[in-house]
Amino acid sequence: MALVQDIQLTEGGFTALKAKFSEALARRKVYRQTLNELRTLSNRELADLGLNHSMITRVAYEAAYGK
């Protein structure tokens, strides 16, 4: 109930909501793309970048959402 009260779907509110949703989708796309690209690299290629397999998820998250 409180969530519904917080969202005001006036002209500006709907536009802002739409913009936030679009931004979230764009960030998610960057995350997935980075994750997929890093997962295709070999251990040697990851080492050249200073990474290992356990770091892939964190690096992809930081690429999309920042620190």
Protein backbone atom coordinates (compact mmCIF):
# COMPACT_ATOMS: atom_id res chain seq x y z
CA MET A 1 0.00 0.00 0.00
CA ALA A 2 2.80 2.45 0.89
CA LEU A 3 4.53 1.76 -2.41
CA VAL A 4 1.39 2.67 -4.34
CA GLN A 5 1.14 5.94 -2.45
CA ASP A 6 4.77 6.81 -3.23
CA ILE A 7 4.30 6.48 -7.00
CA GLN A 8 2.40 9.40 -8.40
CA LEU A 9 1.52 8.79 -12.01
CA THR A 10 1.05 12.36 -13.09
CA GLU A 11 2.48 13.47 -16.43
CA GLY A 12 5.92 14.10 -14.96
CA GLY A 13 5.72 11.09 -12.66
CA PHE A 14 4.96 8.68 -15.47
CA THR A 15 7.75 10.12 -17.60
CA ALA A 16 10.20 9.80 -14.71
CA LEU A 17 9.08 6.24 -14.06
CA LYS A 18 9.50 5.38 -17.73
CA ALA A 19 12.99 6.96 -17.76
CA LYS A 20 14.05 5.00 -14.66
CA PHE A 21 12.78 1.78 -16.19
CA SER A 22 14.63 2.46 -19.45
CA GLU A 23 17.82 3.24 -17.54
CA ALA A 24 17.48 0.03 -15.53
CA LEU A 25 17.05 -2.00 -18.71
CA ALA A 26 20.10 -0.34 -20.30
CA ARG A 27 22.24 -1.04 -17.23
CA ARG A 28 21.06 -4.65 -17.13
CA LYS A 29 21.99 -5.02 -20.80
CA VAL A 30 25.50 -3.69 -20.11
CA TYR A 31 25.83 -6.11 -17.18
CA ARG A 32 24.75 -9.15 -19.20
CA GLN A 33 26.89 -8.21 -22.20
CA THR A 34 30.00 -7.65 -20.08
CA LEU A 35 29.39 -10.87 -18.18
CA ASN A 36 28.99 -12.88 -21.37
CA GLU A 37 32.09 -11.36 -22.99
CA LEU A 38 34.28 -11.99 -19.95
CA ARG A 39 33.04 -15.56 -19.65
CA THR A 40 34.24 -16.31 -23.18
CA LEU A 41 37.84 -15.37 -22.34
CA SER A 42 40.44 -18.00 -21.51
CA ASN A 43 42.39 -18.04 -18.25
CA ARG A 44 45.38 -16.59 -20.10
CA GLU A 45 43.33 -13.71 -21.56
CA LEU A 46 41.80 -12.96 -18.16
CA ALA A 47 45.26 -12.99 -16.57
CA ASP A 48 46.44 -10.49 -19.19
CA LEU A 49 43.65 -8.19 -17.95
CA GLY A 50 44.62 -8.82 -14.34
CA LEU A 51 41.47 -10.85 -13.67
CA ASN A 52 40.50 -14.38 -12.75
CA HIS A 53 37.21 -16.24 -13.12
CA SER A 54 36.06 -15.45 -9.59
CA MET A 55 36.15 -11.71 -10.39
CA ILE A 56 33.97 -11.78 -13.52
CA THR A 57 30.61 -11.13 -11.83
CA ARG A 58 31.97 -8.23 -9.76
CA VAL A 59 33.68 -6.62 -12.74
CA ALA A 60 30.51 -6.88 -14.84
CA TYR A 61 28.45 -5.39 -12.00
CA GLU A 62 30.85 -2.47 -11.59
CA ALA A 63 30.81 -1.86 -15.35
CA ALA A 64 27.04 -1.53 -15.34
CA TYR A 65 26.22 -0.02 -11.96
CA GLY A 66 29.44 1.58 -10.73
CA LYS A 67 31.07 0.91 -7.40
